[in-house]
Protein backbone atom coordinates (compact mmCIF):
# COMPACT_ATOMS: atom_id res chain seq x y z
CA UNK A 1 0.00 0.00 0.00
CA UNK A 2 1.16 3.52 -0.81
CA UNK A 3 -0.14 7.03 -0.16
CA UNK A 4 -2.65 8.17 -2.76
CA UNK A 5 -1.06 10.70 -5.09
CA UNK A 6 -2.65 13.90 -6.27
CA UNK A 7 -2.74 17.64 -5.78
CA UNK A 8 -2.11 19.60 -2.59
CA UNK A 9 -5.86 19.58 -1.97
CA UNK A 10 -5.83 15.78 -1.99
CA UNK A 11 -2.82 15.63 0.30
CA UNK A 12 -4.41 18.06 2.75
CA UNK A 13 -7.67 16.09 2.67
CA UNK A 14 -5.87 12.85 3.47
CA UNK A 15 -3.97 14.58 6.26
CA UNK A 16 -7.20 15.83 7.83
CA UNK A 17 -6.22 19.48 7.37
CA UNK A 18 -9.06 21.65 8.78
CA UNK A 19 -8.52 24.04 5.87
CA UNK A 20 -10.40 21.68 3.54
CA UNK A 21 -13.22 20.88 5.97
CA UNK A 22 -15.66 23.44 4.59
CA UNK A 23 -15.57 21.81 1.14
CA UNK A 24 -16.60 18.32 2.25
CA UNK A 25 -19.37 16.67 4.28
CA UNK A 26 -17.09 14.96 6.74
CA UNK A 27 -13.71 13.37 7.31
CA UNK A 28 -13.36 9.94 5.67
CA UNK A 29 -12.22 8.15 8.84
CA UNK A 30 -14.85 9.71 11.12
CA UNK A 31 -17.49 7.13 12.04
CA UNK A 32 -19.75 9.93 13.22
CA UNK A 33 -19.78 11.49 9.74
CA UNK A 34 -21.25 8.30 8.30
CA UNK A 35 -23.84 8.12 11.06
CA UNK A 36 -24.94 11.68 10.25
CA UNK A 37 -25.04 10.89 6.55
CA UNK A 38 -27.12 7.75 7.22
CA UNK A 39 -29.69 9.86 9.08
CA UNK A 40 -29.89 12.27 6.13
CA UNK A 41 -30.39 9.37 3.69
CA UNK A 42 -33.14 7.90 5.87
CA UNK A 43 -35.10 11.13 5.62
CA UNK A 44 -35.09 10.94 1.81
CA UNK A 45 -35.57 7.21 1.16
CA UNK A 46 -38.80 5.52 2.06
CA UNK A 47 -39.71 1.94 1.13
CA UNK A 48 -41.13 3.00 -2.24
CA UNK A 49 -37.96 4.80 -3.34
CA UNK A 50 -35.82 1.86 -2.26
CA UNK A 51 -37.92 -0.58 -4.24
CA UNK A 52 -37.85 1.69 -7.29
CA UNK A 53 -34.08 2.12 -7.31
CA UNK A 54 -33.53 -1.64 -7.11
CA UNK A 55 -34.84 -1.99 -10.68
CA UNK A 56 -31.72 -0.23 -11.96
CA UNK A 57 -29.27 -2.50 -10.13
CA UNK A 58 -27.70 -5.73 -11.38
CA UNK A 59 -26.37 -8.21 -8.80
CA UNK A 60 -23.21 -10.10 -9.81
CA UNK A 61 -23.97 -13.16 -7.67
CA UNK A 62 -26.68 -14.86 -5.66
CA UNK A 63 -25.11 -13.33 -2.57
CA UNK A 64 -25.28 -9.89 -4.15
CA UNK A 65 -28.97 -10.44 -4.96
CA UNK A 66 -29.63 -11.26 -1.32
CA UNK A 67 -27.68 -8.18 -0.27
CA UNK A 68 -29.84 -6.03 -2.54
CA UNK A 69 -32.98 -7.48 -0.97
CA UNK A 70 -31.57 -6.63 2.46
CA UNK A 71 -30.80 -3.08 1.34
CA UNK A 72 -34.39 -2.63 0.15
CA UNK A 73 -36.11 -4.39 3.04
CA UNK A 74 -33.73 -3.47 5.83
CA UNK A 75 -33.19 0.21 5.13
CA UNK A 76 -29.63 -0.39 4.02
CA UNK A 77 -27.12 1.78 2.21
CA UNK A 78 -24.52 1.77 -0.54
CA UNK A 79 -20.87 2.61 -0.85
CA UNK A 80 -20.53 3.63 -4.46
CA UNK A 81 -17.67 4.01 -6.87
CA UNK A 82 -17.40 3.92 -10.62
CA UNK A 83 -15.33 4.13 -13.75
CA UNK A 84 -15.69 4.35 -17.49
CA UNK A 85 -15.84 1.07 -19.40
CA UNK A 86 -12.11 0.52 -19.88
CA UNK A 87 -10.90 -2.29 -22.15
CA UNK A 88 -10.32 -5.51 -20.15
CA UNK A 89 -11.33 -3.51 -16.98
CA UNK A 90 -8.75 -0.79 -17.71
CA UNK A 91 -5.77 0.02 -15.45
CA UNK A 92 -5.26 -1.54 -12.04
CA UNK A 93 -6.73 1.44 -10.20
CA UNK A 94 -10.21 0.36 -11.30
CA UNK A 95 -9.66 -2.87 -9.37
CA UNK A 96 -8.46 -0.95 -6.33
CA UNK A 97 -11.45 1.41 -6.38
CA UNK A 98 -13.85 -1.51 -6.42
CA UNK A 99 -12.07 -3.46 -3.68
CA UNK A 100 -11.85 -0.30 -1.56
CA UNK A 101 -15.63 0.06 -1.86
CA UNK A 102 -16.04 -3.56 -0.79
CA UNK A 103 -13.89 -3.06 2.29
CA UNK A 104 -15.47 0.26 3.25
CA UNK A 105 -18.95 -1.27 2.98
CA UNK A 106 -17.86 -4.03 5.36
CA UNK A 107 -16.47 -1.49 7.83
CA UNK A 108 -19.59 0.68 7.71
CA UNK A 109 -21.87 -2.29 8.20
CA UNK A 110 -20.08 -2.99 11.47
CA UNK A 111 -20.31 0.65 12.58
CA UNK A 112 -23.95 1.22 11.64
CA UNK A 113 -25.22 -2.32 12.26
CA UNK A 114 -27.29 -2.05 9.06
CA UNK A 115 -26.81 -3.56 5.59
CA UNK A 116 -24.19 -1.75 3.47
CA UNK A 117 -23.19 -3.01 0.03
CA UNK A 118 -20.72 -1.93 -2.69
CA UNK A 119 -22.34 -0.46 -5.82
CA UNK A 120 -20.23 0.07 -8.95
CA UNK A 121 -21.45 2.71 -11.42
CA UNK A 122 -20.43 1.90 -15.00
CA UNK A 123 -19.98 5.28 -16.68
CA UNK A 124 -21.41 3.97 -19.95
CA UNK A 125 -22.24 7.43 -21.28
CA UNK A 126 -18.63 8.55 -21.37
CA UNK A 127 -17.36 9.04 -24.91
CA UNK A 128 -13.57 9.13 -24.46
CA UNK A 129 -12.74 6.37 -26.94
CA UNK A 130 -9.00 7.01 -26.77
CA UNK A 131 -9.01 6.23 -23.06
CA UNK A 132 -11.54 3.40 -23.04
CA UNK A 133 -10.24 1.42 -26.01
CA UNK A 134 -6.77 0.43 -24.79
CA UNK A 135 -5.15 -1.79 -22.21
CA UNK A 136 -1.47 -2.17 -21.36
CA UNK A 137 -0.25 -5.72 -20.79
CA UNK A 138 3.13 -6.73 -19.39
CA UNK A 139 4.27 -10.11 -20.68
CA UNK A 140 6.45 -12.82 -19.15
CA UNK A 141 9.55 -11.12 -20.61
CA UNK A 142 8.71 -7.84 -18.89
CA UNK A 143 7.80 -6.17 -22.16
CA UNK A 144 4.89 -3.72 -22.41
CA UNK A 145 2.21 -4.21 -25.06
CA UNK A 146 -0.64 -1.80 -25.70
CA UNK A 147 -3.74 -3.60 -26.95
CA UNK A 148 -6.42 -1.53 -28.65
CA UNK A 149 -9.95 -2.25 -29.62
CA UNK A 150 -10.40 -1.68 -33.36
CA UNK A 151 -11.18 1.97 -34.10
CA UNK A 152 -14.85 2.94 -34.35
CA UNK A 153 -16.68 4.43 -37.27
CA UNK A 154 -18.87 7.50 -36.96
CA UNK A 155 -18.99 10.18 -34.28
CA UNK A 156 -16.09 10.50 -31.88
CA UNK A 157 -18.57 11.53 -29.17
CA UNK A 158 -20.64 8.36 -29.33
CA UNK A 159 -21.15 6.97 -25.79
CA UNK A 160 -19.51 3.66 -24.94
CA UNK A 161 -22.98 2.13 -24.51
CA UNK A 162 -23.46 2.54 -28.26
CA UNK A 163 -19.99 1.37 -29.35
CA UNK A 164 -20.48 -2.14 -30.74
CA UNK A 165 -17.62 -4.59 -31.14
CA UNK A 166 -17.01 -5.90 -34.65
CA UNK A 167 -15.64 -9.22 -35.87
CA UNK A 168 -12.07 -7.89 -35.66
CA UNK A 169 -12.22 -7.88 -31.86
CA UNK A 170 -11.35 -11.59 -32.06
CA UNK A 171 -7.89 -10.64 -33.34
CA UNK A 172 -7.24 -8.53 -30.26
CA UNK A 173 -8.40 -11.35 -27.99
CA UNK A 174 -6.00 -13.74 -29.74
CA UNK A 175 -3.18 -11.22 -29.33
CA UNK A 176 -3.93 -11.04 -25.61
CA UNK A 177 -3.84 -14.84 -25.40
CA UNK A 178 -0.36 -14.88 -26.94
CA UNK A 179 0.89 -12.50 -24.24
CA UNK A 180 -0.56 -14.29 -21.23
CA UNK A 181 1.75 -16.57 -19.21
CA UNK A 182 1.08 -20.31 -19.76
CA UNK A 183 -0.30 -21.08 -16.31
CA UNK A 184 -3.14 -23.12 -14.90
CA UNK A 185 -5.20 -19.94 -14.50
CA UNK A 186 -4.71 -18.41 -17.94
CA UNK A 187 -7.16 -20.64 -19.81
CA UNK A 188 -10.09 -19.73 -17.59
CA UNK A 189 -9.34 -16.03 -17.88
CA UNK A 190 -9.07 -16.19 -21.66
CA UNK A 191 -12.43 -17.98 -21.81
CA UNK A 192 -13.94 -15.09 -19.84
CA UNK A 193 -12.35 -12.51 -22.13
CA UNK A 194 -13.51 -14.29 -25.28
CA UNK A 195 -17.04 -14.55 -23.92
CA UNK A 196 -17.18 -10.91 -22.86
CA UNK A 197 -15.44 -9.34 -25.85
CA UNK A 198 -17.45 -11.04 -28.56
CA UNK A 199 -18.65 -9.46 -31.82
CA UNK A 200 -22.00 -7.74 -31.48
CA UNK A 201 -21.58 -6.78 -27.83
CA UNK A 202 -21.26 -3.14 -26.83
CA UNK A 203 -18.10 -1.94 -25.12
CA UNK A 204 -20.15 -1.42 -21.96
CA UNK A 205 -21.68 -4.91 -22.04
CA UNK A 206 -18.22 -6.43 -22.39
CA UNK A 207 -16.84 -4.37 -19.51
CA UNK A 208 -19.83 -5.12 -17.29
CA UNK A 209 -19.53 -8.86 -17.89
CA UNK A 210 -15.81 -8.77 -17.05
CA UNK A 211 -16.44 -6.92 -13.79
CA UNK A 212 -19.33 -9.22 -12.91
CA UNK A 213 -17.24 -12.35 -13.51
CA UNK A 214 -14.06 -11.22 -11.75
CA UNK A 215 -15.75 -9.68 -8.70
CA UNK A 216 -18.74 -11.97 -8.16
CA UNK A 217 -17.11 -13.44 -5.05
CA UNK A 218 -17.31 -9.99 -3.43
CA UNK A 219 -21.09 -9.73 -4.00
CA UNK A 220 -20.74 -6.50 -5.93
CA UNK A 221 -23.77 -4.69 -7.36
CA UNK A 222 -23.62 -2.93 -10.74
CA UNK A 223 -25.50 -0.05 -12.29
CA UNK A 224 -25.23 1.00 -15.94
CA UNK A 225 -25.53 4.78 -16.40
CA UNK A 226 -27.42 4.16 -19.68
CA UNK A 227 -29.97 1.78 -18.12
CA UNK A 228 -33.57 2.79 -18.97
CA UNK A 229 -34.72 2.25 -15.37
CA UNK A 230 -32.02 4.61 -14.10
CA UNK A 231 -32.91 7.17 -16.76
CA UNK A 232 -36.53 7.12 -15.65
CA UNK A 233 -35.54 7.54 -12.01
CA UNK A 234 -33.20 10.44 -12.75
CA UNK A 235 -35.42 12.40 -15.17
CA UNK A 236 -36.76 14.65 -12.43
CA UNK A 237 -33.35 15.74 -11.15
CA UNK A 238 -32.12 16.36 -14.71
CA UNK A 239 -35.14 18.57 -15.38
CA UNK A 240 -34.53 20.47 -12.16
CA UNK A 241 -30.91 20.97 -13.13
CA UNK A 242 -31.88 22.35 -16.50
CA UNK A 243 -34.43 24.69 -14.96
CA UNK A 244 -31.87 26.10 -12.54
CA UNK A 245 -28.81 25.93 -14.79
CA UNK A 246 -27.82 29.58 -14.41
CA UNK A 247 -28.10 29.56 -10.63
CA UNK A 248 -26.25 26.27 -10.31
CA UNK A 249 -23.42 27.62 -12.43
CA UNK A 250 -23.20 30.47 -9.90
CA UNK A 251 -23.05 27.93 -7.05
CA UNK A 252 -20.14 26.05 -8.56
CA UNK A 253 -18.37 29.25 -9.65
CA UNK A 254 -18.59 30.66 -6.12
CA UNK A 255 -17.35 27.45 -4.50
CA UNK A 256 -14.54 27.19 -7.05
CA UNK A 257 -13.55 30.80 -6.26
CA UNK A 258 -13.45 29.99 -2.55
CA UNK A 259 -11.33 26.96 -3.30
CA UNK A 260 -8.84 29.11 -5.20
CA UNK A 261 -8.79 31.67 -2.38
CA UNK A 262 -7.87 28.84 -0.01
CA UNK A 263 -4.86 28.13 -2.20
CA UNK A 264 -6.16 25.13 -4.14
CA UNK A 265 -6.28 24.79 -7.92
CA UNK A 266 -9.72 23.63 -9.14
CA UNK A 267 -9.78 20.18 -10.69
CA UNK A 268 -12.44 21.08 -13.29
CA UNK A 269 -12.78 24.45 -15.00
CA UNK A 270 -16.25 25.99 -14.99
CA UNK A 271 -17.41 26.84 -18.54
CA UNK A 272 -19.48 30.04 -18.55
CA UNK A 273 -22.92 29.45 -20.02
CA UNK A 274 -22.64 25.65 -19.95
CA UNK A 275 -25.22 23.49 -18.21
CA UNK A 276 -24.28 20.34 -16.34
CA UNK A 277 -26.08 18.22 -18.92
CA UNK A 278 -25.31 16.44 -22.17
CA UNK A 279 -27.72 15.60 -24.97
CA UNK A 280 -27.32 12.57 -27.21
CA UNK A 281 -28.55 12.35 -30.79
CA UNK A 282 -27.33 10.90 -34.08
CA UNK A 283 -24.28 13.21 -33.93
CA UNK A 284 -23.18 11.81 -30.57
CA UNK A 285 -23.07 13.19 -27.04
CA UNK A 286 -22.91 16.98 -26.81
CA UNK A 287 -22.80 19.53 -24.00
CA UNK A 288 -25.93 21.67 -23.60
CA UNK A 289 -25.21 25.41 -23.43
CA UNK A 290 -27.50 28.23 -22.42
CA UNK A 291 -28.37 30.57 -25.28
CA UNK A 292 -30.45 33.49 -24.05
CA UNK A 293 -33.82 32.02 -23.08
CA UNK A 294 -33.08 28.87 -25.06
CA UNK A 295 -30.47 26.13 -25.34
CA UNK A 296 -27.89 25.14 -27.93
CA UNK A 297 -25.74 22.01 -28.42
CA UNK A 298 -22.03 22.71 -28.25
CA UNK A 299 -21.10 20.39 -31.10
CA UNK A 300 -23.70 20.83 -33.82
CA UNK A 301 -25.28 24.15 -32.88
CA UNK A 302 -28.74 22.58 -32.73
CA UNK A 303 -31.10 24.77 -30.71
CA UNK A 304 -34.03 24.10 -28.37
CA UNK A 305 -36.50 26.21 -26.53
CA UNK A 306 -36.67 25.53 -22.80
CA UNK A 307 -40.10 23.97 -23.30
CA UNK A 308 -38.83 21.60 -25.97
CA UNK A 309 -35.97 20.51 -23.74
CA UNK A 310 -38.20 19.80 -20.72
CA UNK A 311 -40.61 17.87 -22.91
CA UNK A 312 -37.75 15.75 -24.25
CA UNK A 313 -36.38 15.01 -20.78
CA UNK A 314 -39.69 13.49 -19.75
CA UNK A 315 -40.44 11.75 -23.07
CA UNK A 316 -36.92 10.55 -23.90
CA UNK A 317 -34.79 10.69 -20.74
CA UNK A 318 -32.22 8.33 -22.31
CA UNK A 319 -31.04 11.22 -24.49
CA UNK A 320 -29.87 13.23 -21.46
CA UNK A 321 -26.93 12.55 -19.18
CA UNK A 322 -25.13 14.39 -16.37
CA UNK A 323 -21.65 15.87 -16.63
CA UNK A 324 -18.84 15.22 -14.17
CA UNK A 325 -20.31 17.69 -11.64
CA UNK A 326 -23.88 16.42 -11.76
CA UNK A 327 -23.27 12.66 -11.99
CA UNK A 328 -22.50 12.24 -8.25
CA UNK A 329 -25.63 14.24 -7.43
CA UNK A 330 -27.78 11.97 -9.61
CA UNK A 331 -26.21 8.94 -7.97
CA UNK A 332 -27.04 10.17 -4.47
CA UNK A 333 -30.53 11.22 -5.53
CA UNK A 334 -31.40 7.78 -6.93
CA UNK A 335 -29.52 5.50 -4.53
CA UNK A 336 -29.17 5.59 -0.70
CA UNK A 337 -25.48 6.47 -0.87
CA UNK A 338 -23.32 6.96 2.22
CA UNK A 339 -19.90 7.29 0.63
CA UNK A 340 -18.16 7.50 -2.72
CA UNK A 341 -14.76 5.86 -3.16
CA UNK A 342 -12.70 8.28 -5.23
CA UNK A 343 -9.41 8.53 -7.01
CA UNK A 344 -7.35 11.72 -6.59
CA UNK A 345 -9.00 13.65 -9.45
CA UNK A 346 -12.49 12.75 -8.24
CA UNK A 347 -11.64 13.61 -4.66
CA UNK A 348 -10.53 17.05 -5.86
CA UNK A 349 -13.57 17.87 -7.97
CA UNK A 350 -15.97 16.86 -5.18
CA UNK A 351 -14.66 19.96 -3.39
CA UNK A 352 -16.32 22.07 -6.11
CA UNK A 353 -19.84 20.62 -5.91
CA UNK A 354 -21.01 20.51 -2.29
CA UNK A 355 -23.41 23.39 -2.89
CA UNK A 356 -24.78 21.68 -6.01
CA UNK A 357 -25.82 18.77 -3.78
CA UNK A 358 -27.46 21.23 -1.40
CA UNK A 359 -29.32 22.87 -4.29
CA UNK A 360 -30.92 19.49 -5.00
CA UNK A 361 -31.70 19.07 -1.28
CA UNK A 362 -29.09 16.36 -0.77
CA UNK A 363 -26.02 16.22 1.46
CA UNK A 364 -22.84 15.25 -0.32
CA UNK A 365 -21.66 11.70 0.50
CA UNK A 366 -18.45 11.16 2.42
CA UNK A 367 -15.61 11.03 -0.10
CA UNK A 368 -13.35 8.11 0.73
CA UNK A 369 -9.90 7.78 -0.94
CA UNK A 370 -9.36 4.57 -2.86
CA UNK A 371 -6.44 2.37 -1.90
CA UNK A 372 -3.20 2.95 -3.78
CA UNK A 373 -1.40 -0.34 -4.34
CA UNK A 374 1.85 -1.40 -5.99
CA UNK A 375 2.16 -5.11 -6.74
CA UNK A 376 5.75 -6.21 -6.09
CA UNK A 377 6.31 -9.71 -7.44
CA UNK A 378 8.96 -12.00 -5.97
CA UNK A 379 11.25 -11.60 -8.99
CA UNK A 380 11.11 -7.82 -8.61
CA UNK A 381 11.60 -7.93 -4.84
CA UNK A 382 14.76 -10.00 -5.30
CA UNK A 383 16.26 -7.33 -7.56
CA UNK A 384 15.32 -4.56 -5.15
CA UNK A 385 16.84 -6.41 -2.21
CA UNK A 386 19.98 -7.18 -4.19
CA UNK A 387 20.66 -3.50 -4.83
CA UNK A 388 19.23 -2.17 -1.57
CA UNK A 389 16.33 -0.34 -3.24
CA UNK A 390 12.89 0.59 -1.93
CA UNK A 391 9.79 1.72 -3.82
CA UNK A 392 10.67 5.38 -3.40
CA UNK A 393 14.03 4.90 -5.08
CA UNK A 394 12.37 3.03 -7.95
CA UNK A 395 10.16 6.00 -8.88
CA UNK A 396 12.78 7.72 -11.04
CA UNK A 397 12.91 7.04 -14.81
CA UNK A 398 14.60 3.70 -15.62
CA UNK A 399 17.75 5.23 -17.15
CA UNK A 400 18.25 7.43 -14.05
CA UNK A 401 17.76 4.45 -11.75
CA UNK A 402 20.28 2.36 -13.69
CA UNK A 403 22.86 5.17 -13.81
CA UNK A 404 22.43 5.81 -10.08
CA UNK A 405 22.88 2.16 -9.12
CA UNK A 406 25.85 1.63 -11.46
CA UNK A 407 27.48 4.85 -10.20
CA UNK A 408 27.01 3.71 -6.59
CA UNK A 409 28.66 0.40 -7.45
CA UNK A 410 31.72 1.80 -9.20
CA UNK A 411 35.05 0.44 -7.88
CA UNK A 412 36.09 2.38 -4.80
CA UNK A 413 39.41 3.61 -6.29
CA UNK A 414 37.51 5.20 -9.18
CA UNK A 415 35.05 6.92 -6.84
CA UNK A 416 37.89 8.15 -4.64
CA UNK A 417 39.89 9.41 -7.61
CA UNK A 418 36.92 11.30 -9.07
CA UNK A 419 36.09 12.87 -5.71
CA UNK A 420 39.70 13.83 -5.05
CA UNK A 421 40.09 15.30 -8.54
CA UNK A 422 36.98 17.38 -8.09
CA UNK A 423 38.14 18.67 -4.72
CA UNK A 424 41.62 19.57 -6.03
CA UNK A 425 40.21 21.45 -9.00
CA UNK A 426 37.75 23.35 -6.80
CA UNK A 427 40.57 24.25 -4.39
CA UNK A 428 42.84 25.30 -7.24
CA UNK A 429 40.25 27.58 -8.75
CA UNK A 430 39.53 29.14 -5.35
CA UNK A 431 43.24 29.99 -4.99
CA UNK A 432 43.38 31.26 -8.57
CA UNK A 433 40.32 33.45 -8.08
CA UNK A 434 41.72 34.97 -4.87
CA UNK A 435 44.96 35.89 -6.64
CA UNK A 436 43.37 37.06 -9.91
CA UNK A 437 40.87 39.51 -8.42
CA UNK A 438 43.74 41.36 -6.75
CA UNK A 439 44.96 42.20 -10.23
CA UNK A 440 41.53 43.05 -11.62
CA UNK A 441 38.08 42.27 -10.13
CA UNK A 442 36.69 41.68 -13.64
CA UNK A 443 38.73 38.46 -13.83
CA UNK A 444 36.21 36.80 -11.51
CA UNK A 445 33.86 36.01 -14.46
CA UNK A 446 36.44 34.25 -16.68
CA UNK A 447 37.82 32.24 -13.75
CA UNK A 448 34.34 31.17 -12.67
CA UNK A 449 33.45 30.11 -16.21
CA UNK A 450 36.65 28.08 -16.43
CA UNK A 451 35.84 26.42 -13.09
CA UNK A 452 32.38 25.42 -14.31
CA UNK A 453 33.80 24.10 -17.58
CA UNK A 454 36.26 21.92 -15.65
CA UNK A 455 33.43 20.60 -13.46
CA UNK A 456 31.46 19.70 -16.60
CA UNK A 457 34.45 17.85 -18.02
CA UNK A 458 34.74 15.82 -14.82
CA UNK A 459 31.04 14.94 -15.03
CA UNK A 460 31.51 13.94 -18.68
CA UNK A 461 34.37 11.66 -17.72
CA UNK A 462 32.29 10.17 -14.92
CA UNK A 463 29.40 9.57 -17.35
CA UNK A 464 31.75 7.76 -19.76
CA UNK A 465 33.04 5.61 -16.93
CA UNK A 466 29.46 4.79 -15.90
CA UNK A 467 28.56 3.96 -19.50
CA UNK A 468 31.46 1.52 -19.79
CA UNK A 469 30.60 0.06 -16.38
CA UNK A 470 27.03 -0.49 -17.59
CA UNK A 471 28.33 -2.47 -20.55
CA UNK A 472 30.36 -4.63 -18.17
CA UNK A 473 27.33 -5.09 -15.91
CA UNK A 474 24.76 -5.98 -18.54
CA UNK A 475 22.99 -8.53 -16.35
CA UNK A 476 22.53 -6.06 -13.51
CA UNK A 477 21.35 -3.37 -15.91
CA UNK A 478 18.83 -5.77 -17.43
CA UNK A 479 17.55 -6.76 -14.01
CA UNK A 480 17.07 -3.13 -12.99
CA UNK A 481 15.32 -2.30 -16.24
CA UNK A 482 12.87 -5.16 -15.83
CA UNK A 483 12.16 -4.24 -12.22
CA UNK A 484 11.57 -0.63 -13.21
CA UNK A 485 9.13 -1.45 -16.01
CA UNK A 486 7.12 -3.63 -13.63
CA UNK A 487 6.78 -0.97 -10.94
CA UNK A 488 6.79 2.28 -12.94
CA UNK A 489 6.05 1.46 -16.58
CA UNK A 490 6.84 4.40 -18.85
CA UNK A 491 7.73 6.32 -15.70
CA UNK A 492 4.13 6.26 -14.40
CA UNK A 493 2.76 4.47 -11.31
CA UNK A 494 1.98 0.84 -12.05
CA UNK A 495 -1.67 1.23 -11.04
CA UNK A 496 -2.28 3.89 -13.70
CA UNK A 497 -0.88 1.84 -16.60
CA UNK A 498 -0.93 -1.94 -16.21
CA UNK A 499 -3.91 -4.26 -16.56
CA UNK A 500 -4.81 -6.86 -13.92
CA UNK A 501 -5.15 -9.92 -16.20
CA UNK A 502 -1.47 -10.99 -16.40
CA UNK A 503 -1.31 -10.92 -12.59
CA UNK A 504 -4.45 -13.03 -12.30
CA UNK A 505 -3.04 -15.43 -14.87
CA UNK A 506 0.11 -15.87 -12.78
CA UNK A 507 -1.41 -16.00 -9.31
CA UNK A 508 -5.08 -16.84 -9.80
CA UNK A 509 -8.20 -14.98 -8.76
CA UNK A 510 -7.23 -15.41 -5.14
CA UNK A 511 -4.93 -12.43 -5.69
CA UNK A 512 -7.99 -10.17 -5.61
CA UNK A 513 -8.86 -11.48 -2.16
CA UNK A 514 -5.31 -10.88 -0.97
CA UNK A 515 -5.41 -7.30 -2.22
CA UNK A 516 -8.77 -6.75 -0.53
CA UNK A 517 -7.44 -8.15 2.75
CA UNK A 518 -4.49 -5.73 2.58
CA UNK A 519 -6.87 -2.74 2.41
CA UNK A 520 -7.35 -1.95 6.10
CA UNK A 521 -10.07 0.55 6.95
CA UNK A 522 -10.29 1.85 10.49
CA UNK A 523 -13.14 4.22 11.37
CA UNK A 524 -13.02 6.08 14.66
CA UNK A 525 -15.78 7.86 16.59
CA UNK A 526 -15.53 11.61 16.06
CA UNK A 527 -12.15 11.28 14.38
CA UNK A 528 -12.41 14.86 13.06
CA UNK A 529 -14.73 17.76 13.80
CA UNK A 530 -15.78 18.64 10.23
CA UNK A 531 -19.17 20.29 10.22
CA UNK A 532 -19.96 19.91 6.50
CA UNK A 533 -20.03 21.98 3.34
CA UNK A 534 -20.48 25.71 3.86
CA UNK A 535 -22.53 27.37 1.13
CA UNK A 536 -23.30 30.78 2.60
CA UNK A 537 -25.87 32.59 0.50
CA UNK A 538 -25.76 29.84 -2.12
CA UNK A 539 -27.48 27.10 -0.15
CA UNK A 540 -30.55 26.45 -2.30
CA UNK A 541 -31.90 27.03 -5.76
CA UNK A 542 -34.61 29.69 -6.06
CA UNK A 543 -38.20 28.50 -6.01
């Protein structure tokens, strides 16, 4: 486990800095904050609303189905998280978000003594094909391979729910099979992939089936953002958002200004005149902008009167979807949500929308940071131990790591000679400078430039020595390179690049349970005295 990365806002939030308290509902490790949030949810969710929301939820197992029944019948709650429909589940952090939600739900169930279940929101309306269509696989030879779903035809803003896999997806599945290690677990995983990523399925269906199969043992519940039942349930809040678009922009703008005044950079820029809604038609998914008393689509310029837009929301709610600010509000309006498990970017933009929740008469859920995990395999650990390295020292680019280790392992006489030479030259130039400036103070510049040039020449000589030493230590260099690409591929954290499947092929699905067990969540009574989001004069939308 490692600290979650991110901006200064994220770091201060994780540290419990009181300076961020007014932007959030409560501290993530404060059991009392969840108790207060549970009371607020109870006021909004009666038996009818709980039964209605269950229609939009898909259990991944018989146990999950029973959990959903308990949530409905026993006044239970959800810990939610979500992600776009990444190819083959996307990078490892998607796995960690989901397992963090599982573990937090378990912890909250003990604290509240009421049913709490993990609910995963598939962001099927996202249209970032570049991000959703690729997966990075590391093979048995420690080589990186980027697999891509075949490029789509038509609009680049088409939601993932409408992206359908063609016959050529089979070629990508075969390529994946050639990269998987030949283990007892690989065959089962490839069967799952081939079943999920089959021609005719949408990208979202494939992703949902993968998540359902891999995480069924954790009794996870799924919701598809494009599901008709969810669209029906959220139509009212979307209409309210459209009606109050101008005022809600002011809410977010004011909170964003306060955030900046507190010294924090906003995660998401507020676009003047933009609503928090998208509209989907044959041209794809487009942002709705305000245009005087009417509305206009950002992409095509298509216009609507306010009346036409409200009529469409109620007749065809599937055409409308929330943006990044409104989606968490919709989620909390439809489902009895206690907490949202967030990555660093999400944790930051939640600080901008507390008053938007209030405008819809909802309290923002507790924002809980997902676990940050680096998988260190035995082969990598052996290399690190051999050279006395820890994870922090592995974070530098591979060539810097190799040069540093080789330089540290140069023969002692070479190191001593280089150090002594550098000291003698520095001492000589100091003496020369002291004598020269007595003749003319302007000689200081030429002497100093000569000193720096000599220092550069020594560094050049050292670099040549290191280069030759690297050639003589090819095995060590290769070992370091392989370790580096496993932990920080392309210089980025492992969890943001690599896919989970090769790890599951090597160690089996039990690895997911081991990761979950390593995520320790400790909630303490009144761990922090955060009183909730402060909205001032911006508490509620006008009647």
